Amino acid sequence: MTVMVLALAAIALWALIRLGRQTERAGRGHWRITATLLAAVMLGGAALAAARGSWIPAAALGVGGLWLTLASRKRDLPARRPDLDDAEARSLLGLPAGATPDQINAAWRRLMARAHPDQGGTEGLAARLNAARDRLLKR
């Protein structure tokens, strides 16, 4: 009985840790939370069934819980955008054609202060600002 309680506690801890790491866009995050909770229930049911000696339902629930865990961990990577040209990079940073490296860095810092994900911006916009700065500085 102690082993079963420890197994259920470990599954609950795993689910709580995983739910704490949910950082997805709105539609995908709900699927991952639901999948985590359902997988935790299935794995808990597998532990209970195994403790009672029902090996076939325990195996079915365990395999189902593991599959659901792995299926919900797959992430869709965003499509890589083609590189920016100089005009688009200048437009994104709001710079004139003959901007100096100091002006480029100042504009990048000003915009990044608002667009950084830690400041409420998005990762995509921050990546585009970085790409524009790198393009204009020829890195």
C-alpha atoms as a PDB file:
ATOM      1  CA  MET A   1       0.000   0.000   0.000  1.00  0.00           C
ATOM      2  CA  THR A   2       2.896   2.358   0.786  1.00  0.00           C
ATOM      3  CA  VAL A   3       4.361   1.834  -2.681  1.00  0.00           C
ATOM      4  CA  MET A   4       1.019   2.704  -4.271  1.00  0.00           C
ATOM      5  CA  VAL A   5       0.728   5.918  -2.238  1.00  0.00           C
ATOM      6  CA  LEU A   6       4.283   6.894  -3.180  1.00  0.00           C
ATOM      7  CA  ALA A   7       3.553   6.185  -6.854  1.00  0.00           C
ATOM      8  CA  LEU A   8       0.403   8.336  -6.777  1.00  0.00           C
ATOM      9  CA  ALA A   9       2.274  11.132  -4.953  1.00  0.00           C
ATOM     10  CA  ALA A  10       5.046  11.008  -7.564  1.00  0.00           C
ATOM     11  CA  ILE A  11       2.497  11.241 -10.384  1.00  0.00           C
ATOM     12  CA  ALA A  12       0.765  14.190  -8.717  1.00  0.00           C
ATOM     13  CA  LEU A  13       4.121  15.955  -8.225  1.00  0.00           C
ATOM     14  CA  TRP A  14       5.059  15.333 -11.863  1.00  0.00           C
ATOM     15  CA  ALA A  15       1.728  16.801 -13.010  1.00  0.00           C
ATOM     16  CA  LEU A  16       2.131  19.905 -10.859  1.00  0.00           C
ATOM     17  CA  ILE A  17       5.684  20.518 -12.089  1.00  0.00           C
ATOM     18  CA  ARG A  18       4.638  20.054 -15.694  1.00  0.00           C
ATOM     19  CA  LEU A  19       1.640  22.355 -15.334  1.00  0.00           C
ATOM     20  CA  GLY A  20       3.933  25.012 -13.901  1.00  0.00           C
ATOM     21  CA  ARG A  21       6.009  24.953 -17.076  1.00  0.00           C
ATOM     22  CA  GLN A  22       3.152  25.666 -19.468  1.00  0.00           C
ATOM     23  CA  THR A  23       4.219  28.518 -21.750  1.00  0.00           C
ATOM     24  CA  GLU A  24       2.332  28.143 -24.984  1.00  0.00           C
ATOM     25  CA  ARG A  25       0.076  30.229 -27.120  1.00  0.00           C
ATOM     26  CA  ALA A  26      -3.521  30.305 -25.970  1.00  0.00           C
ATOM     27  CA  GLY A  27      -5.020  27.443 -27.983  1.00  0.00           C
ATOM     28  CA  ARG A  28      -2.151  25.024 -27.482  1.00  0.00           C
ATOM     29  CA  GLY A  29      -1.676  25.645 -23.764  1.00  0.00           C
ATOM     30  CA  HIS A  30      -5.159  24.390 -22.897  1.00  0.00           C
ATOM     31  CA  TRP A  31      -4.532  21.139 -24.767  1.00  0.00           C
ATOM     32  CA  ARG A  32      -1.290  20.561 -22.882  1.00  0.00           C
ATOM     33  CA  ILE A  33      -2.891  21.233 -19.491  1.00  0.00           C
ATOM     34  CA  THR A  34      -5.782  18.898 -20.231  1.00  0.00           C
ATOM     35  CA  ALA A  35      -3.417  16.232 -21.551  1.00  0.00           C
ATOM     36  CA  THR A  36      -1.259  16.485 -18.433  1.00  0.00           C
ATOM     37  CA  LEU A  37      -4.217  16.079 -16.107  1.00  0.00           C
ATOM     38  CA  LEU A  38      -5.648  13.176 -18.104  1.00  0.00           C
ATOM     39  CA  ALA A  39      -2.248  11.467 -18.288  1.00  0.00           C
ATOM     40  CA  ALA A  40      -1.839  11.848 -14.517  1.00  0.00           C
ATOM     41  CA  VAL A  41      -5.256  10.269 -13.961  1.00  0.00           C
ATOM     42  CA  MET A  42      -4.445   7.424 -16.347  1.00  0.00           C
ATOM     43  CA  LEU A  43      -1.073   6.736 -14.716  1.00  0.00           C
ATOM     44  CA  GLY A  44      -2.685   6.847 -11.282  1.00  0.00           C
ATOM     45  CA  GLY A  45      -5.337   4.414 -12.466  1.00  0.00           C
ATOM     46  CA  ALA A  46      -2.600   2.159 -13.811  1.00  0.00           C
ATOM     47  CA  ALA A  47      -0.880   2.177 -10.420  1.00  0.00           C
ATOM     48  CA  LEU A  48      -4.149   1.347  -8.678  1.00  0.00           C
ATOM     49  CA  ALA A  49      -4.991  -1.438 -11.128  1.00  0.00           C
ATOM     50  CA  ALA A  50      -1.495  -2.921 -10.773  1.00  0.00           C
ATOM     51  CA  ALA A  51      -1.792  -2.840  -6.979  1.00  0.00           C
ATOM     52  CA  ARG A  52      -5.041  -4.814  -7.212  1.00  0.00           C
ATOM     53  CA  GLY A  53      -3.502  -7.373  -9.567  1.00  0.00           C
ATOM     54  CA  SER A  54      -5.355  -6.338 -12.747  1.00  0.00           C
ATOM     55  CA  TRP A  55      -2.374  -6.360 -15.080  1.00  0.00           C
ATOM     56  CA  ILE A  56      -4.126  -5.932 -18.428  1.00  0.00           C
ATOM     57  CA  PRO A  57      -6.055  -2.768 -17.466  1.00  0.00           C
ATOM     58  CA  ALA A  58      -2.923  -1.493 -15.687  1.00  0.00           C
ATOM     59  CA  ALA A  59      -0.853  -1.975 -18.835  1.00  0.00           C
ATOM     60  CA  ALA A  60      -3.506  -0.347 -21.028  1.00  0.00           C
ATOM     61  CA  LEU A  61      -3.827   2.679 -18.744  1.00  0.00           C
ATOM     62  CA  GLY A  62      -0.057   2.974 -18.351  1.00  0.00           C
ATOM     63  CA  VAL A  63       0.588   2.858 -22.094  1.00  0.00           C
ATOM     64  CA  GLY A  64      -2.246   5.314 -22.727  1.00  0.00           C
ATOM     65  CA  GLY A  65      -0.928   7.708 -20.090  1.00  0.00           C
ATOM     66  CA  LEU A  66       2.625   7.542 -21.459  1.00  0.00           C
ATOM     67  CA  TRP A  67       1.425   8.047 -25.032  1.00  0.00           C
ATOM     68  CA  LEU A  68      -0.634  11.064 -24.019  1.00  0.00           C
ATOM     69  CA  THR A  69       2.347  12.496 -22.160  1.00  0.00           C
ATOM     70  CA  LEU A  70       4.626  12.136 -25.170  1.00  0.00           C
ATOM     71  CA  ALA A  71       2.022  13.360 -27.662  1.00  0.00           C
ATOM     72  CA  SER A  72       1.369  16.531 -25.694  1.00  0.00           C
ATOM     73  CA  ARG A  73       5.097  17.307 -25.438  1.00  0.00           C
ATOM     74  CA  LYS A  74       5.508  17.754 -29.196  1.00  0.00           C
ATOM     75  CA  ARG A  75       5.863  21.417 -30.042  1.00  0.00           C
ATOM     76  CA  ASP A  76       5.099  23.027 -33.331  1.00  0.00           C
ATOM     77  CA  LEU A  77       8.098  25.122 -34.276  1.00  0.00           C
ATOM     78  CA  PRO A  78       7.289  28.386 -36.000  1.00  0.00           C
ATOM     79  CA  ALA A  79       8.200  28.569 -39.661  1.00  0.00           C
ATOM     80  CA  ARG A  80      11.514  30.291 -40.213  1.00  0.00           C
ATOM     81  CA  ARG A  81      11.087  33.589 -41.994  1.00  0.00           C
ATOM     82  CA  PRO A  82      13.442  34.574 -44.762  1.00  0.00           C
ATOM     83  CA  ASP A  83      16.148  37.038 -43.815  1.00  0.00           C
ATOM     84  CA  LEU A  84      15.274  40.713 -43.731  1.00  0.00           C
ATOM     85  CA  ASP A  85      16.598  43.054 -46.367  1.00  0.00           C
ATOM     86  CA  ASP A  86      18.165  46.389 -45.377  1.00  0.00           C
ATOM     87  CA  ALA A  87      15.051  48.457 -46.137  1.00  0.00           C
ATOM     88  CA  GLU A  88      12.808  46.216 -44.048  1.00  0.00           C
ATOM     89  CA  ALA A  89      15.334  46.198 -41.187  1.00  0.00           C
ATOM     90  CA  ARG A  90      15.534  50.006 -41.209  1.00  0.00           C
ATOM     91  CA  SER A  91      11.747  50.266 -41.342  1.00  0.00           C
ATOM     92  CA  LEU A  92      11.365  47.888 -38.409  1.00  0.00           C
ATOM     93  CA  LEU A  93      13.800  49.885 -36.289  1.00  0.00           C
ATOM     94  CA  GLY A  94      12.516  53.243 -37.580  1.00  0.00           C
ATOM     95  CA  LEU A  95      15.892  54.415 -38.891  1.00  0.00           C
ATOM     96  CA  PRO A  96      16.956  56.518 -41.889  1.00  0.00           C
ATOM     97  CA  ALA A  97      19.137  55.085 -44.663  1.00  0.00           C
ATOM     98  CA  GLY A  98      22.474  56.383 -43.358  1.00  0.00           C
ATOM     99  CA  ALA A  99      22.102  55.379 -39.702  1.00  0.00           C
ATOM    100  CA  THR A 100      25.281  54.961 -37.668  1.00  0.00           C
ATOM    101  CA  PRO A 101      25.953  51.906 -35.490  1.00  0.00           C
ATOM    102  CA  ASP A 102      25.253  54.034 -32.394  1.00  0.00           C
ATOM    103  CA  GLN A 103      21.843  55.058 -33.788  1.00  0.00           C
ATOM    104  CA  ILE A 104      21.075  51.437 -34.685  1.00  0.00           C
ATOM    105  CA  ASN A 105      21.908  50.231 -31.182  1.00  0.00           C
ATOM    106  CA  ALA A 106      19.970  53.090 -29.548  1.00  0.00           C
ATOM    107  CA  ALA A 107      16.868  52.332 -31.638  1.00  0.00           C
ATOM    108  CA  TRP A 108      17.195  48.607 -30.917  1.00  0.00           C
ATOM    109  CA  ARG A 109      17.489  49.244 -27.141  1.00  0.00           C
ATOM    110  CA  ARG A 110      14.497  51.597 -27.161  1.00  0.00           C
ATOM    111  CA  LEU A 111      12.276  49.131 -29.014  1.00  0.00           C
ATOM    112  CA  MET A 112      13.551  46.051 -27.198  1.00  0.00           C
ATOM    113  CA  ALA A 113      12.653  47.637 -23.843  1.00  0.00           C
ATOM    114  CA  ARG A 114       9.002  47.292 -24.900  1.00  0.00           C
ATOM    115  CA  ALA A 115       9.140  44.245 -27.152  1.00  0.00           C
ATOM    116  CA  HIS A 116      11.126  41.876 -24.912  1.00  0.00           C
ATOM    117  CA  PRO A 117       9.071  38.901 -23.666  1.00  0.00           C
ATOM    118  CA  ASP A 118       9.957  39.748 -20.059  1.00  0.00           C
ATOM    119  CA  GLN A 119       8.381  43.166 -20.547  1.00  0.00           C
ATOM    120  CA  GLY A 120       5.138  41.875 -22.031  1.00  0.00           C
ATOM    121  CA  GLY A 121       6.281  41.641 -25.651  1.00  0.00           C
ATOM    122  CA  THR A 122       6.447  38.571 -27.835  1.00  0.00           C
ATOM    123  CA  GLU A 123       9.333  36.302 -28.709  1.00  0.00           C
ATOM    124  CA  GLY A 124       8.627  36.741 -32.417  1.00  0.00           C
ATOM    125  CA  LEU A 125       8.884  40.512 -32.358  1.00  0.00           C
ATOM    126  CA  ALA A 126      12.016  40.404 -30.213  1.00  0.00           C
ATOM    127  CA  ALA A 127      13.593  37.962 -32.673  1.00  0.00           C
ATOM    128  CA  ARG A 128      12.716  40.229 -35.601  1.00  0.00           C
ATOM    129  CA  LEU A 129      14.255  43.239 -33.830  1.00  0.00           C
ATOM    130  CA  ASN A 130      17.419  41.246 -33.165  1.00  0.00           C
ATOM    131  CA  ALA A 131      17.549  40.133 -36.800  1.00  0.00           C
ATOM    132  CA  ALA A 132      17.069  43.733 -38.003  1.00  0.00           C
ATOM    133  CA  ARG A 133      19.865  45.015 -35.761  1.00  0.00           C
ATOM    134  CA  ASP A 134      22.192  42.204 -36.831  1.00  0.00           C
ATOM    135  CA  ARG A 135      21.395  42.831 -40.493  1.00  0.00           C
ATOM    136  CA  LEU A 136      22.130  46.539 -40.258  1.00  0.00           C
ATOM    137  CA  LEU A 137      25.324  45.966 -38.272  1.00  0.00           C
ATOM    138  CA  LYS A 138      26.299  43.202 -40.766  1.00  0.00           C
ATOM    139  CA  ARG A 139      26.843  40.578 -38.072  1.00  0.00           C
END
